[in-house]
Amino acid sequence: MGGQDTALFQIHHDSKGWELEYFNTNGPCASGTGSFIDQQAQRLATSIYSSEKDSSSNQIDRILADFITLGLQSAKPANVACRCTVFTKSDMIHLQNKGERLQDIIYGLHVGMPGTT
């Protein structure tokens, strides 16, 4: 989902060699940095754990393990929009506010993410 360093190169080649004709990168989107799932696991964990903040490596590993375990308990994934992390997070919050089960939201996030099934 997304990616920060997507680039387009248009290259021209003739008898003189190679020449870069055009170069462009995508906008400043950090969704491909790998932190989105960690952030959502921690955000949803507030529904499961106390509100104490503990960002130690052990705590994050425990949260991620519980996040995966919860998702595996779902029989029906929620319909999570996984086009962009901004939309995905908003959709997940909306689903929570509607009363969808956390298990189904997590499973919906999993099946909606490219390359995770």
Protein backbone atom coordinates (compact mmCIF):
# COMPACT_ATOMS: atom_id res chain seq x y z
CA MET A 1 0.00 0.00 0.00
CA GLY A 2 1.72 3.14 -1.15
CA GLY A 3 5.40 3.71 -1.02
CA GLN A 4 7.65 6.62 -0.29
CA ASP A 5 10.33 6.22 -2.93
CA THR A 6 8.50 5.41 -6.15
CA ALA A 7 10.25 7.04 -9.10
CA LEU A 8 9.72 7.38 -12.84
CA PHE A 9 12.68 7.57 -15.20
CA GLN A 10 12.30 8.23 -18.91
CA ILE A 11 15.53 7.41 -20.70
CA HIS A 12 16.43 8.03 -24.32
CA HIS A 13 18.98 5.89 -26.14
CA ASP A 14 20.63 6.56 -29.49
CA SER A 15 24.03 6.08 -31.10
CA LYS A 16 25.54 8.66 -28.71
CA GLY A 17 24.50 6.66 -25.66
CA TRP A 18 21.92 6.99 -22.90
CA GLU A 19 20.31 10.25 -21.76
CA LEU A 20 17.91 10.89 -18.93
CA GLU A 21 14.96 12.75 -20.44
CA TYR A 22 12.64 12.96 -17.45
CA PHE A 23 12.67 12.09 -13.76
CA ASN A 24 9.90 12.39 -11.17
CA THR A 25 9.01 10.91 -7.78
CA ASN A 26 5.70 10.47 -6.02
CA GLY A 27 4.44 12.82 -3.32
CA PRO A 28 5.53 12.76 0.31
CA CYS A 29 3.68 9.62 1.39
CA ALA A 30 5.34 7.49 4.06
CA SER A 31 2.87 4.61 3.87
CA GLY A 32 5.43 2.25 2.39
CA THR A 33 7.84 2.65 5.29
CA GLY A 34 6.46 -0.36 7.16
CA SER A 35 5.29 1.41 10.30
CA PHE A 36 1.58 1.52 9.45
CA ILE A 37 0.74 -1.95 10.79
CA ASP A 38 2.73 -1.29 13.99
CA GLN A 39 0.91 2.02 14.49
CA GLN A 40 -2.52 0.46 13.94
CA ALA A 41 -1.74 -2.43 16.26
CA GLN A 42 -0.73 0.03 18.98
CA ARG A 43 -3.79 2.22 18.32
CA LEU A 44 -6.17 -0.73 18.53
CA ALA A 45 -4.35 -2.07 21.59
CA THR A 46 -5.79 0.81 23.61
CA SER A 47 -9.09 -1.05 23.32
CA ILE A 48 -7.49 -4.14 24.81
CA TYR A 49 -4.88 -2.94 27.31
CA SER A 50 -4.69 -0.16 29.84
CA SER A 51 -3.99 3.33 28.55
CA GLU A 52 -0.41 3.27 29.87
CA LYS A 53 2.13 4.06 27.15
CA ASP A 54 4.97 1.58 26.83
CA SER A 55 6.88 1.77 23.56
CA SER A 56 9.58 -0.72 24.49
CA SER A 57 10.49 -3.36 21.93
CA ASN A 58 9.06 -6.15 24.11
CA GLN A 59 5.73 -4.35 24.50
CA ILE A 60 5.45 -3.68 20.75
CA ASP A 61 6.26 -7.34 20.01
CA ARG A 62 3.54 -8.42 22.47
CA ILE A 63 1.02 -6.03 20.90
CA LEU A 64 1.81 -7.29 17.39
CA ALA A 65 1.50 -10.91 18.52
CA ASP A 66 -1.88 -10.16 20.12
CA PHE A 67 -2.91 -8.19 17.00
CA ILE A 68 -2.20 -11.23 14.81
CA THR A 69 -3.92 -13.60 17.25
CA LEU A 70 -7.05 -11.42 17.32
CA GLY A 71 -7.18 -11.25 13.54
CA LEU A 72 -6.97 -15.02 13.31
CA GLN A 73 -10.09 -15.30 15.51
CA SER A 74 -12.26 -13.66 12.84
CA ALA A 75 -14.45 -15.70 10.54
CA LYS A 76 -15.56 -12.70 8.45
CA PRO A 77 -13.23 -9.81 7.60
CA ALA A 78 -14.61 -6.29 7.80
CA ASN A 79 -14.49 -4.35 4.55
CA VAL A 80 -11.45 -2.13 5.14
CA ALA A 81 -10.48 0.32 2.38
CA CYS A 82 -6.80 -0.37 1.76
CA ARG A 83 -6.02 2.10 -1.00
CA CYS A 84 -4.03 4.52 1.11
CA THR A 85 -3.03 4.45 4.76
CA VAL A 86 -4.88 7.72 5.45
CA PHE A 87 -8.12 6.21 4.11
CA THR A 88 -7.41 2.87 5.75
CA LYS A 89 -6.95 4.39 9.21
CA SER A 90 -10.10 6.51 8.80
CA ASP A 91 -12.04 3.46 7.66
CA MET A 92 -10.80 1.39 10.60
CA ILE A 93 -11.84 4.11 13.07
CA HIS A 94 -15.26 4.36 11.38
CA LEU A 95 -15.71 0.59 11.62
CA GLN A 96 -14.80 0.68 15.33
CA ASN A 97 -17.32 3.48 15.91
CA LYS A 98 -19.99 1.41 14.13
CA GLY A 99 -19.31 -1.44 16.56
CA GLU A 100 -17.48 -3.86 14.26
CA ARG A 101 -15.50 -6.45 16.18
CA LEU A 102 -11.76 -5.75 16.46
CA GLN A 103 -11.06 -9.26 15.22
CA ASP A 104 -12.96 -8.56 12.00
CA ILE A 105 -11.31 -5.16 11.46
CA ILE A 106 -7.84 -6.65 11.92
CA TYR A 107 -8.64 -9.54 9.57
CA GLY A 108 -10.10 -7.07 7.05
CA LEU A 109 -6.89 -5.05 7.22
CA HIS A 110 -4.89 -8.22 6.62
CA VAL A 111 -6.84 -9.43 3.59
CA GLY A 112 -7.03 -5.92 2.14
CA MET A 113 -3.27 -5.38 2.17
CA PRO A 114 -1.49 -6.50 -1.01
CA GLY A 115 0.88 -9.40 -0.50
CA THR A 116 -0.39 -10.41 2.94
CA THR A 117 -2.74 -13.27 2.05
